[in-house]
C-alpha cells in the first residue's frame, strides 16, 4: 500500500484524501468507522466498480493510524465504530 503526503498536509491512503495538521504541535485524530455488515458486503462485491472488503479497508486504515501515532510522540487518536440501529444514549 502506498501512502503519499503532500506539502499542504493532505495524506492519500486507499483512494481517500485525509487532511492532517503538519504543524509542530501535537494533534488528535478521531475516526468513525461505519460497521454496517450489509454495506460492507455490498462494497466487497466484484460487481462494484471499486470493490473493497472490510479486511482490506481495516488494513489500510490501521497503516494510516499507525503513521499518525508514529509521526509524533504526543499525537493521539480515537477510533469509534458506528453500528446500524445503535445510539449512544436512549432518549
C-alpha atoms as a PDB file:
ATOM      1  CA  UNK A   1       0.000   0.000   0.000  1.00  0.00           C
ATOM      2  CA  UNK A   2       1.251   3.462  -0.870  1.00  0.00           C
ATOM      3  CA  UNK A   3       0.822   6.443   1.412  1.00  0.00           C
ATOM      4  CA  UNK A   4       1.535   9.852  -0.092  1.00  0.00           C
ATOM      5  CA  UNK A   5       1.785  13.094   1.901  1.00  0.00           C
ATOM      6  CA  UNK A   6       1.650  16.416   0.101  1.00  0.00           C
ATOM      7  CA  UNK A   7       3.324  19.626   1.281  1.00  0.00           C
ATOM      8  CA  UNK A   8      -0.132  21.020   2.133  1.00  0.00           C
ATOM      9  CA  UNK A   9      -0.799  18.259   4.661  1.00  0.00           C
ATOM     10  CA  UNK A  10      -3.017  16.037   2.531  1.00  0.00           C
ATOM     11  CA  UNK A  11      -2.437  12.319   3.061  1.00  0.00           C
ATOM     12  CA  UNK A  12      -3.632   9.994   0.293  1.00  0.00           C
ATOM     13  CA  UNK A  13      -4.407   6.475   1.575  1.00  0.00           C
ATOM     14  CA  UNK A  14      -6.515   3.814  -0.109  1.00  0.00           C
ATOM     15  CA  UNK A  15      -8.052   6.228  -2.601  1.00  0.00           C
ATOM     16  CA  UNK A  16      -9.084   8.677   0.146  1.00  0.00           C
ATOM     17  CA  UNK A  17      -7.551  12.067   0.869  1.00  0.00           C
ATOM     18  CA  UNK A  18      -7.163  12.962   4.547  1.00  0.00           C
ATOM     19  CA  UNK A  19      -6.339  16.485   5.711  1.00  0.00           C
ATOM     20  CA  UNK A  20      -3.843  16.408   8.559  1.00  0.00           C
ATOM     21  CA  UNK A  21      -2.109  19.023  10.658  1.00  0.00           C
ATOM     22  CA  UNK A  22       1.611  19.161   9.890  1.00  0.00           C
ATOM     23  CA  UNK A  23       2.373  21.891  12.415  1.00  0.00           C
ATOM     24  CA  UNK A  24       4.948  21.413  15.149  1.00  0.00           C
ATOM     25  CA  UNK A  25       2.396  20.780  17.896  1.00  0.00           C
ATOM     26  CA  UNK A  26       0.710  17.507  18.656  1.00  0.00           C
ATOM     27  CA  UNK A  27      -2.597  16.607  17.037  1.00  0.00           C
ATOM     28  CA  UNK A  28      -5.570  14.421  17.800  1.00  0.00           C
ATOM     29  CA  UNK A  29      -7.281  12.282  15.168  1.00  0.00           C
ATOM     30  CA  UNK A  30     -10.798  10.907  15.642  1.00  0.00           C
ATOM     31  CA  UNK A  31     -12.132   8.316  13.211  1.00  0.00           C
ATOM     32  CA  UNK A  32     -15.681   6.943  12.982  1.00  0.00           C
ATOM     33  CA  UNK A  33     -15.954   3.676  11.049  1.00  0.00           C
ATOM     34  CA  UNK A  34     -19.259   2.522   9.571  1.00  0.00           C
ATOM     35  CA  UNK A  35     -19.620  -1.105  10.694  1.00  0.00           C
ATOM     36  CA  UNK A  36     -22.832  -1.892   8.815  1.00  0.00           C
ATOM     37  CA  UNK A  37     -22.447  -5.528   7.675  1.00  0.00           C
ATOM     38  CA  UNK A  38     -24.800  -5.107   4.715  1.00  0.00           C
ATOM     39  CA  UNK A  39     -22.919  -2.075   3.390  1.00  0.00           C
ATOM     40  CA  UNK A  40     -19.541  -3.799   3.685  1.00  0.00           C
ATOM     41  CA  UNK A  41     -20.980  -6.864   1.935  1.00  0.00           C
ATOM     42  CA  UNK A  42     -22.142  -4.646  -0.955  1.00  0.00           C
ATOM     43  CA  UNK A  43     -18.806  -2.837  -1.026  1.00  0.00           C
ATOM     44  CA  UNK A  44     -16.872  -6.090  -1.417  1.00  0.00           C
ATOM     45  CA  UNK A  45     -18.944  -7.395  -4.351  1.00  0.00           C
ATOM     46  CA  UNK A  46     -16.960  -7.938  -7.576  1.00  0.00           C
ATOM     47  CA  UNK A  47     -19.754  -6.169  -9.481  1.00  0.00           C
ATOM     48  CA  UNK A  48     -18.879  -2.978  -7.600  1.00  0.00           C
ATOM     49  CA  UNK A  49     -16.721  -0.675  -9.796  1.00  0.00           C
ATOM     50  CA  UNK A  50     -14.174  -0.371  -6.945  1.00  0.00           C
ATOM     51  CA  UNK A  51     -14.641  -3.397  -4.653  1.00  0.00           C
ATOM     52  CA  UNK A  52     -13.238  -3.009  -1.146  1.00  0.00           C
ATOM     53  CA  UNK A  53     -13.564  -5.631   1.559  1.00  0.00           C
ATOM     54  CA  UNK A  54     -13.698  -4.691   5.221  1.00  0.00           C
ATOM     55  CA  UNK A  55     -10.454  -6.586   5.889  1.00  0.00           C
ATOM     56  CA  UNK A  56      -8.563  -4.627   3.205  1.00  0.00           C
ATOM     57  CA  UNK A  57     -10.082  -1.352   4.435  1.00  0.00           C
ATOM     58  CA  UNK A  58      -9.024  -2.065   8.021  1.00  0.00           C
ATOM     59  CA  UNK A  59      -5.510  -2.930   6.898  1.00  0.00           C
ATOM     60  CA  UNK A  60      -5.204   0.422   5.125  1.00  0.00           C
ATOM     61  CA  UNK A  61      -6.772   2.422   7.945  1.00  0.00           C
ATOM     62  CA  UNK A  62      -4.540   0.792  10.560  1.00  0.00           C
ATOM     63  CA  UNK A  63      -1.499   1.700   8.466  1.00  0.00           C
ATOM     64  CA  UNK A  64      -2.674   5.313   8.348  1.00  0.00           C
ATOM     65  CA  UNK A  65      -3.428   5.410  12.090  1.00  0.00           C
ATOM     66  CA  UNK A  66      -0.043   3.893  12.877  1.00  0.00           C
ATOM     67  CA  UNK A  67       1.687   6.551  10.771  1.00  0.00           C
ATOM     68  CA  UNK A  68      -0.234   9.275  12.649  1.00  0.00           C
ATOM     69  CA  UNK A  69       0.909   7.921  16.019  1.00  0.00           C
ATOM     70  CA  UNK A  70       4.467   7.295  14.818  1.00  0.00           C
ATOM     71  CA  UNK A  71       4.904  10.775  13.317  1.00  0.00           C
ATOM     72  CA  UNK A  72       4.957  12.490  16.723  1.00  0.00           C
ATOM     73  CA  UNK A  73       5.103  11.010  20.204  1.00  0.00           C
ATOM     74  CA  UNK A  74       2.430  13.419  21.519  1.00  0.00           C
ATOM     75  CA  UNK A  75      -0.149  12.585  18.820  1.00  0.00           C
ATOM     76  CA  UNK A  76      -3.317  10.870  19.980  1.00  0.00           C
ATOM     77  CA  UNK A  77      -6.213   9.152  18.289  1.00  0.00           C
ATOM     78  CA  UNK A  78      -9.654   7.740  18.971  1.00  0.00           C
ATOM     79  CA  UNK A  79     -11.496   5.185  16.856  1.00  0.00           C
ATOM     80  CA  UNK A  80     -15.265   4.733  17.097  1.00  0.00           C
ATOM     81  CA  UNK A  81     -17.435   2.116  15.441  1.00  0.00           C
ATOM     82  CA  UNK A  82     -20.910   3.027  14.213  1.00  0.00           C
ATOM     83  CA  UNK A  83     -23.412   0.177  14.055  1.00  0.00           C
ATOM     84  CA  UNK A  84     -26.835   0.413  12.403  1.00  0.00           C
ATOM     85  CA  UNK A  85     -29.664   0.974  14.881  1.00  0.00           C
ATOM     86  CA  UNK A  86     -27.338   1.741  17.804  1.00  0.00           C
ATOM     87  CA  UNK A  87     -27.273   5.023  19.719  1.00  0.00           C
ATOM     88  CA  UNK A  88     -25.034   6.314  22.482  1.00  0.00           C
ATOM     89  CA  UNK A  89     -27.903   7.115  24.844  1.00  0.00           C
ATOM     90  CA  UNK A  90     -31.597   6.370  24.814  1.00  0.00           C
ATOM     91  CA  UNK A  91     -33.787   9.474  24.724  1.00  0.00           C
END
